[in-house]
PDB file of N, CA and C in Angstrom:
ATOM      1  N   UNK A   1       0.835  -1.190   0.000  1.00  0.00           N
ATOM      2  CA  UNK A   1       0.000   0.000   0.000  1.00  0.00           C
ATOM      3  C   UNK A   1       0.877   1.249   0.000  1.00  0.00           C
ATOM      4  N   UNK A   2       0.398   2.257  -0.686  1.00  0.00           N
ATOM      5  CA  UNK A   2       1.041   3.567  -0.669  1.00  0.00           C
ATOM      6  C   UNK A   2      -0.002   4.593  -0.223  1.00  0.00           C
ATOM      7  N   UNK A   3       0.501   5.700   0.261  1.00  0.00           N
ATOM      8  CA  UNK A   3      -0.382   6.774   0.723  1.00  0.00           C
ATOM      9  C   UNK A   3       0.010   8.070   0.037  1.00  0.00           C
ATOM     10  N   UNK A   4      -1.006   8.813  -0.403  1.00  0.00           N
ATOM     11  CA  UNK A   4      -0.759  10.146  -0.968  1.00  0.00           C
ATOM     12  C   UNK A   4      -0.468  11.067   0.208  1.00  0.00           C
ATOM     13  N   UNK A   5       0.739  11.665   0.208  1.00  0.00           N
ATOM     14  CA  UNK A   5       1.136  12.486   1.350  1.00  0.00           C
ATOM     15  C   UNK A   5       1.222  13.975   1.026  1.00  0.00           C
ATOM     16  N   UNK A   6       1.230  14.312  -0.260  1.00  0.00           N
ATOM     17  CA  UNK A   6       1.347  15.721  -0.631  1.00  0.00           C
ATOM     18  C   UNK A   6       1.125  15.852  -2.140  1.00  0.00           C
ATOM     19  N   UNK A   7       1.190  17.043  -2.641  1.00  0.00           N
ATOM     20  CA  UNK A   7       1.167  17.286  -4.082  1.00  0.00           C
ATOM     21  C   UNK A   7       2.062  18.478  -4.362  1.00  0.00           C
ATOM     22  N   UNK A   8       2.495  18.597  -5.585  1.00  0.00           N
ATOM     23  CA  UNK A   8       3.304  19.738  -5.993  1.00  0.00           C
ATOM     24  C   UNK A   8       2.837  20.193  -7.368  1.00  0.00           C
ATOM     25  N   UNK A   9       2.967  21.493  -7.616  1.00  0.00           N
ATOM     26  CA  UNK A   9       2.656  22.040  -8.928  1.00  0.00           C
ATOM     27  C   UNK A   9       3.927  22.013  -9.758  1.00  0.00           C
ATOM     28  N   UNK A  10       3.798  21.615 -11.013  1.00  0.00           N
ATOM     29  CA  UNK A  10       4.925  21.567 -11.932  1.00  0.00           C
ATOM     30  C   UNK A  10       4.509  22.243 -13.231  1.00  0.00           C
ATOM     31  N   UNK A  11       5.481  22.478 -14.114  1.00  0.00           N
ATOM     32  CA  UNK A  11       5.201  23.075 -15.418  1.00  0.00           C
ATOM     33  C   UNK A  11       5.792  22.215 -16.525  1.00  0.00           C
ATOM     34  N   UNK A  12       5.043  22.096 -17.605  1.00  0.00           N
ATOM     35  CA  UNK A  12       5.565  21.411 -18.787  1.00  0.00           C
ATOM     36  C   UNK A  12       6.571  22.334 -19.457  1.00  0.00           C
ATOM     37  N   UNK A  13       7.286  21.804 -20.434  1.00  0.00           N
ATOM     38  CA  UNK A  13       8.237  22.625 -21.183  1.00  0.00           C
ATOM     39  C   UNK A  13       7.539  23.779 -21.887  1.00  0.00           C
ATOM     40  N   UNK A  14       6.252  23.603 -22.202  1.00  0.00           N
ATOM     41  CA  UNK A  14       5.476  24.651 -22.859  1.00  0.00           C
ATOM     42  C   UNK A  14       4.917  25.665 -21.861  1.00  0.00           C
ATOM     43  N   UNK A  15       5.147  25.454 -20.564  1.00  0.00           N
ATOM     44  CA  UNK A  15       4.690  26.392 -19.542  1.00  0.00           C
ATOM     45  C   UNK A  15       3.336  26.071 -18.935  1.00  0.00           C
ATOM     46  N   UNK A  16       2.706  24.962 -19.340  1.00  0.00           N
ATOM     47  CA  UNK A  16       1.404  24.592 -18.801  1.00  0.00           C
ATOM     48  C   UNK A  16       1.575  23.971 -17.414  1.00  0.00           C
ATOM     49  N   UNK A  17       0.762  24.435 -16.430  1.00  0.00           N
ATOM     50  CA  UNK A  17       0.835  23.911 -15.067  1.00  0.00           C
ATOM     51  C   UNK A  17       0.062  22.615 -14.917  1.00  0.00           C
ATOM     52  N   UNK A  18       0.601  21.716 -14.086  1.00  0.00           N
ATOM     53  CA  UNK A  18      -0.105  20.491 -13.730  1.00  0.00           C
ATOM     54  C   UNK A  18       0.340  20.082 -12.329  1.00  0.00           C
ATOM     55  N   UNK A  19      -0.383  19.165 -11.738  1.00  0.00           N
ATOM     56  CA  UNK A  19      -0.062  18.713 -10.382  1.00  0.00           C
ATOM     57  C   UNK A  19       0.455  17.283 -10.401  1.00  0.00           C
ATOM     58  N   UNK A  20       1.416  17.013  -9.518  1.00  0.00           N
ATOM     59  CA  UNK A  20       1.885  15.652  -9.293  1.00  0.00           C
ATOM     60  C   UNK A  20       1.562  15.294  -7.850  1.00  0.00           C
ATOM     61  N   UNK A  21       1.214  14.026  -7.642  1.00  0.00           N
ATOM     62  CA  UNK A  21       0.921  13.535  -6.307  1.00  0.00           C
ATOM     63  C   UNK A  21       2.186  12.922  -5.724  1.00  0.00           C
ATOM     64  N   UNK A  22       2.523  13.292  -4.497  1.00  0.00           N
ATOM     65  CA  UNK A  22       3.660  12.680  -3.813  1.00  0.00           C
ATOM     66  C   UNK A  22       3.128  11.507  -3.007  1.00  0.00           C
ATOM     67  N   UNK A  23       3.713  10.329  -3.233  1.00  0.00           N
ATOM     68  CA  UNK A  23       3.257   9.144  -2.524  1.00  0.00           C
ATOM     69  C   UNK A  23       4.396   8.579  -1.685  1.00  0.00           C
ATOM     70  N   UNK A  24       4.008   7.833  -0.659  1.00  0.00           N
ATOM     71  CA  UNK A  24       4.970   7.240   0.252  1.00  0.00           C
ATOM     72  C   UNK A  24       4.613   5.778   0.466  1.00  0.00           C
ATOM     73  N   UNK A  25       5.625   4.917   0.423  1.00  0.00           N
ATOM     74  CA  UNK A  25       5.419   3.507   0.730  1.00  0.00           C
ATOM     75  C   UNK A  25       5.433   3.310   2.240  1.00  0.00           C
ATOM     76  N   UNK A  26       5.406   2.068   2.659  1.00  0.00           N
ATOM     77  CA  UNK A  26       5.435   1.763   4.082  1.00  0.00           C
ATOM     78  C   UNK A  26       6.818   1.967   4.686  1.00  0.00           C
ATOM     79  N   UNK A  27       6.882   1.959   5.997  1.00  0.00           N
ATOM     80  CA  UNK A  27       8.142   2.148   6.713  1.00  0.00           C
ATOM     81  C   UNK A  27       9.058   0.949   6.472  1.00  0.00           C
ATOM     82  N   UNK A  28      10.340   1.228   6.316  1.00  0.00           N
ATOM     83  CA  UNK A  28      11.348   0.189   6.115  1.00  0.00           C
ATOM     84  C   UNK A  28      12.498   0.424   7.073  1.00  0.00           C
ATOM     85  N   UNK A  29      13.099  -0.644   7.546  1.00  0.00           N
ATOM     86  CA  UNK A  29      14.274  -0.540   8.398  1.00  0.00           C
ATOM     87  C   UNK A  29      15.499  -0.857   7.546  1.00  0.00           C
ATOM     88  N   UNK A  30      16.447   0.066   7.517  1.00  0.00           N
ATOM     89  CA  UNK A  30      17.657  -0.062   6.713  1.00  0.00           C
ATOM     90  C   UNK A  30      18.861  -0.032   7.652  1.00  0.00           C
ATOM     91  N   UNK A  31      19.835  -0.906   7.388  1.00  0.00           N
ATOM     92  CA  UNK A  31      21.048  -0.929   8.200  1.00  0.00           C
ATOM     93  C   UNK A  31      22.095  -0.016   7.556  1.00  0.00           C
ATOM     94  N   UNK A  32      22.609   0.926   8.333  1.00  0.00           N
ATOM     95  CA  UNK A  32      23.609   1.864   7.844  1.00  0.00           C
ATOM     96  C   UNK A  32      24.908   1.138   7.525  1.00  0.00           C
ATOM     97  N   UNK A  33      25.498   1.462   6.380  1.00  0.00           N
ATOM     98  CA  UNK A  33      26.776   0.859   5.996  1.00  0.00           C
ATOM     99  C   UNK A  33      27.924   1.419   6.825  1.00  0.00           C
ATOM    100  N   UNK A  34      27.775   2.648   7.347  1.00  0.00           N
ATOM    101  CA  UNK A  34      28.864   3.260   8.113  1.00  0.00           C
ATOM    102  C   UNK A  34      28.769   2.986   9.604  1.00  0.00           C
ATOM    103  N   UNK A  35      27.575   3.131  10.185  1.00  0.00           N
ATOM    104  CA  UNK A  35      27.449   2.955  11.640  1.00  0.00           C
ATOM    105  C   UNK A  35      26.974   1.560  12.038  1.00  0.00           C
ATOM    106  N   UNK A  36      26.491   0.774  11.075  1.00  0.00           N
ATOM    107  CA  UNK A  36      25.976  -0.574  11.340  1.00  0.00           C
ATOM    108  C   UNK A  36      24.697  -0.555  12.190  1.00  0.00           C
ATOM    109  N   UNK A  37      24.085   0.614  12.339  1.00  0.00           N
ATOM    110  CA  UNK A  37      22.845   0.761  13.095  1.00  0.00           C
ATOM    111  C   UNK A  37      21.667   0.827  12.126  1.00  0.00           C
ATOM    112  N   UNK A  38      20.483   0.444  12.616  1.00  0.00           N
ATOM    113  CA  UNK A  38      19.284   0.517  11.793  1.00  0.00           C
ATOM    114  C   UNK A  38      18.645   1.888  11.896  1.00  0.00           C
ATOM    115  N   UNK A  39      18.023   2.310  10.806  1.00  0.00           N
ATOM    116  CA  UNK A  39      17.236   3.535  10.819  1.00  0.00           C
ATOM    117  C   UNK A  39      15.962   3.308  10.020  1.00  0.00           C
ATOM    118  N   UNK A  40      14.926   4.071  10.357  1.00  0.00           N
ATOM    119  CA  UNK A  40      13.632   3.944   9.682  1.00  0.00           C
ATOM    120  C   UNK A  40      13.577   4.918   8.518  1.00  0.00           C
ATOM    121  N   UNK A  41      13.023   4.464   7.415  1.00  0.00           N
ATOM    122  CA  UNK A  41      12.896   5.320   6.237  1.00  0.00           C
ATOM    123  C   UNK A  41      11.675   4.889   5.432  1.00  0.00           C
ATOM    124  N   UNK A  42      11.283   5.698   4.489  1.00  0.00           N
ATOM    125  CA  UNK A  42      10.223   5.355   3.541  1.00  0.00           C
ATOM    126  C   UNK A  42      10.673   5.767   2.149  1.00  0.00           C
ATOM    127  N   UNK A  43      10.233   5.017   1.160  1.00  0.00           N
ATOM    128  CA  UNK A  43      10.498   5.380  -0.225  1.00  0.00           C
ATOM    129  C   UNK A  43       9.373   6.293  -0.686  1.00  0.00           C
ATOM    130  N   UNK A  44       9.734   7.339  -1.427  1.00  0.00           N
ATOM    131  CA  UNK A  44       8.753   8.291  -1.939  1.00  0.00           C
ATOM    132  C   UNK A  44       8.882   8.389  -3.453  1.00  0.00           C
ATOM    133  N   UNK A  45       7.789   8.725  -4.090  1.00  0.00           N
ATOM    134  CA  UNK A  45       7.779   8.915  -5.543  1.00  0.00           C
ATOM    135  C   UNK A  45       6.704   9.939  -5.888  1.00  0.00           C
ATOM    136  N   UNK A  46       6.726  10.398  -7.129  1.00  0.00           N
ATOM    137  CA  UNK A  46       5.718  11.333  -7.625  1.00  0.00           C
ATOM    138  C   UNK A  46       4.975  10.706  -8.787  1.00  0.00           C
ATOM    139  N   UNK A  47       3.663  10.966  -8.853  1.00  0.00           N
ATOM    140  CA  UNK A  47       2.817  10.479  -9.940  1.00  0.00           C
ATOM    141  C   UNK A  47       2.171  11.695 -10.602  1.00  0.00           C
ATOM    142  N   UNK A  48       2.325  11.801 -11.908  1.00  0.00           N
ATOM    143  CA  UNK A  48       1.653  12.884 -12.635  1.00  0.00           C
ATOM    144  C   UNK A  48       0.148  12.696 -12.553  1.00  0.00           C
ATOM    145  N   UNK A  49      -0.585  13.787 -12.616  1.00  0.00           N
ATOM    146  CA  UNK A  49      -2.043  13.684 -12.547  1.00  0.00           C
ATOM    147  C   UNK A  49      -2.694  14.708 -13.464  1.00  0.00           C
ATOM    148  N   UNK A  50      -3.988  14.516 -13.658  1.00  0.00           N
ATOM    149  CA  UNK A  50      -4.791  15.488 -14.399  1.00  0.00           C
ATOM    150  C   UNK A  50      -5.670  16.289 -13.442  1.00  0.00           C
ATOM    151  N   UNK A  51      -5.438  16.119 -12.140  1.00  0.00           N
ATOM    152  CA  UNK A  51      -6.279  16.762 -11.119  1.00  0.00           C
ATOM    153  C   UNK A  51      -5.915  18.221 -10.921  1.00  0.00           C
ATOM    154  N   UNK A  52      -6.920  19.002 -10.525  1.00  0.00           N
ATOM    155  CA  UNK A  52      -6.645  20.379 -10.155  1.00  0.00           C
ATOM    156  C   UNK A  52      -6.144  20.396  -8.706  1.00  0.00           C
ATOM    157  N   UNK A  53      -5.717  21.568  -8.252  1.00  0.00           N
ATOM    158  CA  UNK A  53      -5.121  21.702  -6.926  1.00  0.00           C
ATOM    159  C   UNK A  53      -6.085  21.301  -5.807  1.00  0.00           C
ATOM    160  N   UNK A  54      -7.359  21.672  -5.915  1.00  0.00           N
ATOM    161  CA  UNK A  54      -8.337  21.329  -4.876  1.00  0.00           C
ATOM    162  C   UNK A  54      -8.518  19.815  -4.756  1.00  0.00           C
ATOM    163  N   UNK A  55      -8.556  19.129  -5.886  1.00  0.00           N
ATOM    164  CA  UNK A  55      -8.698  17.677  -5.871  1.00  0.00           C
ATOM    165  C   UNK A  55      -7.471  17.038  -5.230  1.00  0.00           C
ATOM    166  N   UNK A  56      -6.295  17.523  -5.573  1.00  0.00           N
ATOM    167  CA  UNK A  56      -5.062  16.993  -4.988  1.00  0.00           C
ATOM    168  C   UNK A  56      -5.058  17.169  -3.471  1.00  0.00           C
ATOM    169  N   UNK A  57      -5.474  18.344  -2.998  1.00  0.00           N
ATOM    170  CA  UNK A  57      -5.554  18.576  -1.553  1.00  0.00           C
ATOM    171  C   UNK A  57      -6.494  17.578  -0.896  1.00  0.00           C
ATOM    172  N   UNK A  58      -7.635  17.317  -1.534  1.00  0.00           N
ATOM    173  CA  UNK A  58      -8.629  16.400  -0.976  1.00  0.00           C
ATOM    174  C   UNK A  58      -8.129  14.957  -0.954  1.00  0.00           C
ATOM    175  N   UNK A  59      -7.206  14.608  -1.841  1.00  0.00           N
ATOM    176  CA  UNK A  59      -6.702  13.233  -1.929  1.00  0.00           C
ATOM    177  C   UNK A  59      -5.610  12.915  -0.911  1.00  0.00           C
ATOM    178  N   UNK A  60      -5.038  13.913  -0.264  1.00  0.00           N
ATOM    179  CA  UNK A  60      -3.985  13.665   0.721  1.00  0.00           C
ATOM    180  C   UNK A  60      -4.530  12.753   1.812  1.00  0.00           C
ATOM    181  N   UNK A  61      -3.793  11.688   2.094  1.00  0.00           N
ATOM    182  CA  UNK A  61      -4.202  10.688   3.076  1.00  0.00           C
ATOM    183  C   UNK A  61      -4.813   9.441   2.454  1.00  0.00           C
ATOM    184  N   UNK A  62      -5.176   9.519   1.177  1.00  0.00           N
ATOM    185  CA  UNK A  62      -5.770   8.377   0.481  1.00  0.00           C
ATOM    186  C   UNK A  62      -4.736   7.275   0.296  1.00  0.00           C
ATOM    187  N   UNK A  63      -5.144   6.026   0.540  1.00  0.00           N
ATOM    188  CA  UNK A  63      -4.270   4.884   0.312  1.00  0.00           C
ATOM    189  C   UNK A  63      -4.648   4.201  -0.989  1.00  0.00           C
ATOM    190  N   UNK A  64      -3.619   3.671  -1.680  1.00  0.00           N
ATOM    191  CA  UNK A  64      -3.828   2.958  -2.940  1.00  0.00           C
ATOM    192  C   UNK A  64      -3.012   1.672  -2.882  1.00  0.00           C
ATOM    193  N   UNK A  65      -3.493   0.641  -3.586  1.00  0.00           N
ATOM    194  CA  UNK A  65      -2.709  -0.578  -3.645  1.00  0.00           C
ATOM    195  C   UNK A  65      -1.504  -0.355  -4.548  1.00  0.00           C
ATOM    196  N   UNK A  66      -0.406  -1.017  -4.245  1.00  0.00           N
ATOM    197  CA  UNK A  66       0.815  -0.882  -5.018  1.00  0.00           C
ATOM    198  C   UNK A  66       1.988  -0.606  -4.106  1.00  0.00           C
ATOM    199  N   UNK A  67       3.134  -0.350  -4.718  1.00  0.00           N
ATOM    200  CA  UNK A  67       4.377  -0.129  -3.979  1.00  0.00           C
ATOM    201  C   UNK A  67       5.204   0.953  -4.649  1.00  0.00           C
ATOM    202  N   UNK A  68       6.135   1.504  -3.891  1.00  0.00           N
ATOM    203  CA  UNK A  68       7.152   2.388  -4.446  1.00  0.00           C
ATOM    204  C   UNK A  68       8.385   1.514  -4.631  1.00  0.00           C
ATOM    205  N   UNK A  69       8.864   1.402  -5.872  1.00  0.00           N
ATOM    206  CA  UNK A  69       9.988   0.522  -6.165  1.00  0.00           C
ATOM    207  C   UNK A  69      11.163   1.308  -6.733  1.00  0.00           C
ATOM    208  N   UNK A  70      12.336   0.739  -6.558  1.00  0.00           N
ATOM    209  CA  UNK A  70      13.568   1.332  -7.084  1.00  0.00           C
ATOM    210  C   UNK A  70      13.716   0.938  -8.546  1.00  0.00           C
ATOM    211  N   UNK A  71      13.984   1.925  -9.404  1.00  0.00           N
ATOM    212  CA  UNK A  71      14.145   1.698 -10.841  1.00  0.00           C
ATOM    213  C   UNK A  71      15.506   2.239 -11.266  1.00  0.00           C
ATOM    214  N   UNK A  72      16.344   1.379 -11.847  1.00  0.00           N
ATOM    215  CA  UNK A  72      17.645   1.818 -12.341  1.00  0.00           C
ATOM    216  C   UNK A  72      17.438   2.775 -13.524  1.00  0.00           C
ATOM    217  N   UNK A  73      18.330   3.746 -13.659  1.00  0.00           N
ATOM    218  CA  UNK A  73      18.221   4.733 -14.732  1.00  0.00           C
ATOM    219  C   UNK A  73      19.609   5.245 -15.099  1.00  0.00           C
ATOM    220  N   UNK A  74      19.670   6.121 -16.080  1.00  0.00           N
ATOM    221  CA  UNK A  74      20.931   6.750 -16.457  1.00  0.00           C
ATOM    222  C   UNK A  74      21.445   7.580 -15.278  1.00  0.00           C
ATOM    223  N   UNK A  75      22.747   7.646 -15.067  1.00  0.00           N
ATOM    224  CA  UNK A  75      23.299   8.433 -13.953  1.00  0.00           C
ATOM    225  C   UNK A  75      22.898   9.909 -14.056  1.00  0.00           C
ATOM    226  N   UNK A  76      22.629  10.504 -12.895  1.00  0.00           N
ATOM    227  CA  UNK A  76      22.293  11.928 -12.837  1.00  0.00           C
ATOM    228  C   UNK A  76      22.792  12.504 -11.520  1.00  0.00           C
ATOM    229  N   UNK A  77      22.979  13.820 -11.489  1.00  0.00           N
ATOM    230  CA  UNK A  77      23.440  14.496 -10.274  1.00  0.00           C
ATOM    231  C   UNK A  77      22.273  14.813  -9.364  1.00  0.00           C
ATOM    232  N   UNK A  78      22.490  14.606  -8.069  1.00  0.00           N
ATOM    233  CA  UNK A  78      21.494  14.956  -7.056  1.00  0.00           C
ATOM    234  C   UNK A  78      22.204  15.784  -6.001  1.00  0.00           C
ATOM    235  N   UNK A  79      21.619  16.911  -5.630  1.00  0.00           N
ATOM    236  CA  UNK A  79      22.222  17.774  -4.613  1.00  0.00           C
ATOM    237  C   UNK A  79      21.391  17.657  -3.334  1.00  0.00           C
ATOM    238  N   UNK A  80      22.032  17.214  -2.248  1.00  0.00           N
ATOM    239  CA  UNK A  80      21.376  17.120  -0.943  1.00  0.00           C
ATOM    240  C   UNK A  80      21.081  18.540  -0.465  1.00  0.00           C
ATOM    241  N   UNK A  81      19.803  18.871  -0.286  1.00  0.00           N
ATOM    242  CA  UNK A  81      19.397  20.234   0.076  1.00  0.00           C
ATOM    243  C   UNK A  81      19.901  20.634   1.454  1.00  0.00           C
ATOM    244  N   UNK A  82      20.074  19.670   2.354  1.00  0.00           N
ATOM    245  CA  UNK A  82      20.515  19.970   3.719  1.00  0.00           C
ATOM    246  C   UNK A  82      22.014  20.229   3.806  1.00  0.00           C
ATOM    247  N   UNK A  83      22.806  19.431   3.080  1.00  0.00           N
ATOM    248  CA  UNK A  83      24.262  19.515   3.213  1.00  0.00           C
ATOM    249  C   UNK A  83      24.950  20.161   2.020  1.00  0.00           C
ATOM    250  N   UNK A  84      24.270  20.240   0.872  1.00  0.00           N
ATOM    251  CA  UNK A  84      24.881  20.764  -0.332  1.00  0.00           C
ATOM    252  C   UNK A  84      25.739  19.736  -1.055  1.00  0.00           C
ATOM    253  N   UNK A  85      25.809  18.519  -0.515  1.00  0.00           N
ATOM    254  CA  UNK A  85      26.614  17.454  -1.104  1.00  0.00           C
ATOM    255  C   UNK A  85      26.051  17.053  -2.467  1.00  0.00           C
ATOM    256  N   UNK A  86      26.941  16.900  -3.454  1.00  0.00           N
ATOM    257  CA  UNK A  86      26.550  16.490  -4.799  1.00  0.00           C
ATOM    258  C   UNK A  86      26.793  14.991  -4.927  1.00  0.00           C
ATOM    259  N   UNK A  87      25.752  14.241  -5.291  1.00  0.00           N
ATOM    260  CA  UNK A  87      25.834  12.791  -5.438  1.00  0.00           C
ATOM    261  C   UNK A  87      25.497  12.408  -6.865  1.00  0.00           C
ATOM    262  N   UNK A  88      26.104  11.347  -7.349  1.00  0.00           N
ATOM    263  CA  UNK A  88      25.735  10.763  -8.636  1.00  0.00           C
ATOM    264  C   UNK A  88      24.853   9.554  -8.339  1.00  0.00           C
ATOM    265  N   UNK A  89      23.624   9.585  -8.805  1.00  0.00           N
ATOM    266  CA  UNK A  89      22.694   8.490  -8.571  1.00  0.00           C
ATOM    267  C   UNK A  89      22.391   7.768  -9.876  1.00  0.00           C
ATOM    268  N   UNK A  90      22.071   6.488  -9.752  1.00  0.00           N
ATOM    269  CA  UNK A  90      21.732   5.681 -10.929  1.00  0.00           C
ATOM    270  C   UNK A  90      20.381   5.000 -10.746  1.00  0.00           C
ATOM    271  N   UNK A  91      19.558   5.564  -9.863  1.00  0.00           N
ATOM    272  CA  UNK A  91      18.226   5.000  -9.650  1.00  0.00           C
ATOM    273  C   UNK A  91      17.235   6.104  -9.302  1.00  0.00           C
ATOM    274  N   UNK A  92      15.986   5.783  -9.496  1.00  0.00           N
ATOM    275  CA  UNK A  92      14.863   6.643  -9.101  1.00  0.00           C
ATOM    276  C   UNK A  92      13.838   5.728  -8.448  1.00  0.00           C
ATOM    277  N   UNK A  93      12.898   6.322  -7.749  1.00  0.00           N
ATOM    278  CA  UNK A  93      11.805   5.550  -7.179  1.00  0.00           C
ATOM    279  C   UNK A  93      10.542   5.842  -7.973  1.00  0.00           C
ATOM    280  N   UNK A  94       9.758   4.807  -8.241  1.00  0.00           N
ATOM    281  CA  UNK A  94       8.545   4.974  -9.023  1.00  0.00           C
ATOM    282  C   UNK A  94       7.416   4.143  -8.424  1.00  0.00           C
ATOM    283  N   UNK A  95       6.201   4.548  -8.721  1.00  0.00           N
ATOM    284  CA  UNK A  95       5.011   3.833  -8.276  1.00  0.00           C
ATOM    285  C   UNK A  95       4.779   2.632  -9.171  1.00  0.00           C
ATOM    286  N   UNK A  96       4.510   1.494  -8.558  1.00  0.00           N
ATOM    287  CA  UNK A  96       4.177   0.284  -9.301  1.00  0.00           C
ATOM    288  C   UNK A  96       2.839  -0.236  -8.782  1.00  0.00           C
ATOM    289  N   UNK A  97       1.779  -0.138  -9.605  1.00  0.00           N
ATOM    290  CA  UNK A  97       0.469  -0.631  -9.173  1.00  0.00           C
ATOM    291  C   UNK A  97       0.509  -2.127  -8.876  1.00  0.00           C
ATOM    292  N   UNK A  98      -0.324  -2.581  -7.984  1.00  0.00           N
ATOM    293  CA  UNK A  98      -0.379  -3.996  -7.601  1.00  0.00           C
ATOM    294  C   UNK A  98      -0.679  -4.882  -8.794  1.00  0.00           C
ATOM    295  N   UNK A  99      -1.546  -4.436  -9.710  1.00  0.00           N
ATOM    296  CA  UNK A  99      -1.931  -5.237 -10.867  1.00  0.00           C
ATOM    297  C   UNK A  99      -0.726  -5.549 -11.747  1.00  0.00           C
ATOM    298  N   UNK A 100       0.168  -4.564 -11.924  1.00  0.00           N
ATOM    299  CA  UNK A 100       1.356  -4.759 -12.752  1.00  0.00           C
ATOM    300  C   UNK A 100       2.256  -5.801 -12.108  1.00  0.00           C
ATOM    301  N   UNK A 101       2.426  -5.715 -10.799  1.00  0.00           N
ATOM    302  CA  UNK A 101       3.266  -6.659 -10.077  1.00  0.00           C
ATOM    303  C   UNK A 101       2.726  -8.078 -10.234  1.00  0.00           C
ATOM    304  N   UNK A 102       1.408  -8.246 -10.090  1.00  0.00           N
ATOM    305  CA  UNK A 102       0.790  -9.564 -10.233  1.00  0.00           C
ATOM    306  C   UNK A 102       0.965 -10.085 -11.656  1.00  0.00           C
ATOM    307  N   UNK A 103       0.822  -9.218 -12.647  1.00  0.00           N
ATOM    308  CA  UNK A 103       0.989  -9.603 -14.043  1.00  0.00           C
ATOM    309  C   UNK A 103       2.437 -10.024 -14.314  1.00  0.00           C
ATOM    310  N   UNK A 104       3.408  -9.273 -13.793  1.00  0.00           N
ATOM    311  CA  UNK A 104       4.813  -9.631 -13.957  1.00  0.00           C
ATOM    312  C   UNK A 104       5.115 -10.981 -13.311  1.00  0.00           C
ATOM    313  N   UNK A 105       4.546 -11.233 -12.140  1.00  0.00           N
ATOM    314  CA  UNK A 105       4.753 -12.506 -11.459  1.00  0.00           C
ATOM    315  C   UNK A 105       4.170 -13.645 -12.278  1.00  0.00           C
ATOM    316  N   UNK A 106       3.004 -13.433 -12.865  1.00  0.00           N
ATOM    317  CA  UNK A 106       2.364 -14.444 -13.705  1.00  0.00           C
ATOM    318  C   UNK A 106       3.263 -14.792 -14.895  1.00  0.00           C
ATOM    319  N   UNK A 107       3.814 -13.775 -15.547  1.00  0.00           N
ATOM    320  CA  UNK A 107       4.702 -13.998 -16.694  1.00  0.00           C
ATOM    321  C   UNK A 107       5.966 -14.734 -16.251  1.00  0.00           C
ATOM    322  N   UNK A 108       6.538 -14.334 -15.117  1.00  0.00           N
ATOM    323  CA  UNK A 108       7.724 -15.027 -14.605  1.00  0.00           C
ATOM    324  C   UNK A 108       7.423 -16.495 -14.328  1.00  0.00           C
ATOM    325  N   UNK A 109       6.262 -16.781 -13.752  1.00  0.00           N
ATOM    326  CA  UNK A 109       5.879 -18.164 -13.466  1.00  0.00           C
ATOM    327  C   UNK A 109       5.731 -18.966 -14.757  1.00  0.00           C
ATOM    328  N   UNK A 110       5.154 -18.355 -15.787  1.00  0.00           N
ATOM    329  CA  UNK A 110       5.021 -19.056 -17.075  1.00  0.00           C
ATOM    330  C   UNK A 110       6.385 -19.413 -17.643  1.00  0.00           C
ATOM    331  N   UNK A 111       7.304 -18.463 -17.592  1.00  0.00           N
ATOM    332  CA  UNK A 111       8.650 -18.676 -18.126  1.00  0.00           C
ATOM    333  C   UNK A 111       9.361 -19.782 -17.342  1.00  0.00           C
ATOM    334  N   UNK A 112       9.226 -19.769 -16.016  1.00  0.00           N
ATOM    335  CA  UNK A 112       9.851 -20.795 -15.178  1.00  0.00           C
ATOM    336  C   UNK A 112       9.309 -22.191 -15.495  1.00  0.00           C
ATOM    337  N   UNK A 113       8.049 -22.247 -15.910  1.00  0.00           N
ATOM    338  CA  UNK A 113       7.420 -23.519 -16.243  1.00  0.00           C
ATOM    339  C   UNK A 113       7.631 -23.925 -17.697  1.00  0.00           C
ATOM    340  N   UNK A 114       8.494 -23.184 -18.402  1.00  0.00           N
ATOM    341  CA  UNK A 114       8.856 -23.564 -19.759  1.00  0.00           C
ATOM    342  C   UNK A 114       7.922 -23.095 -20.851  1.00  0.00           C
ATOM    343  N   UNK A 115       7.008 -22.196 -20.552  1.00  0.00           N
ATOM    344  CA  UNK A 115       6.108 -21.675 -21.557  1.00  0.00           C
ATOM    345  C   UNK A 115       6.777 -20.480 -22.228  1.00  0.00           C
ATOM    346  N   UNK A 116       6.898 -20.524 -23.554  1.00  0.00           N
ATOM    347  CA  UNK A 116       7.520 -19.409 -24.253  1.00  0.00           C
ATOM    348  C   UNK A 116       6.473 -18.348 -24.563  1.00  0.00           C
ATOM    349  N   UNK A 117       6.881 -17.132 -24.484  1.00  0.00           N
ATOM    350  CA  UNK A 117       5.954 -16.010 -24.695  1.00  0.00           C
ATOM    351  C   UNK A 117       6.318 -15.295 -25.970  1.00  0.00           C
TER     352      UNK A 117
END
């Protein structure tokens, strides 16, 4: 399950405004590579929408089936707003609906059972 936690206004290259929904997955415990201690975190992603600002505000708190998953991508620079540190990242987080996950699992099961697609 994911929860809509916020929205942001964005602009297309042509200057047209639209809203994106900020979603958050469930809490995860991650072990630090430097301190060896666990910390709590959540994965977040943005979903484009056709909703106006009032609708986006009303949707905050809504839960949807699916997950926020890590997706590998071309390397890009990310600047930590708190520290100013510049990082090179090769992944993004994206929303994956439950139906897609079930469909992918079905295809994987077919392949494992020797069915060619």
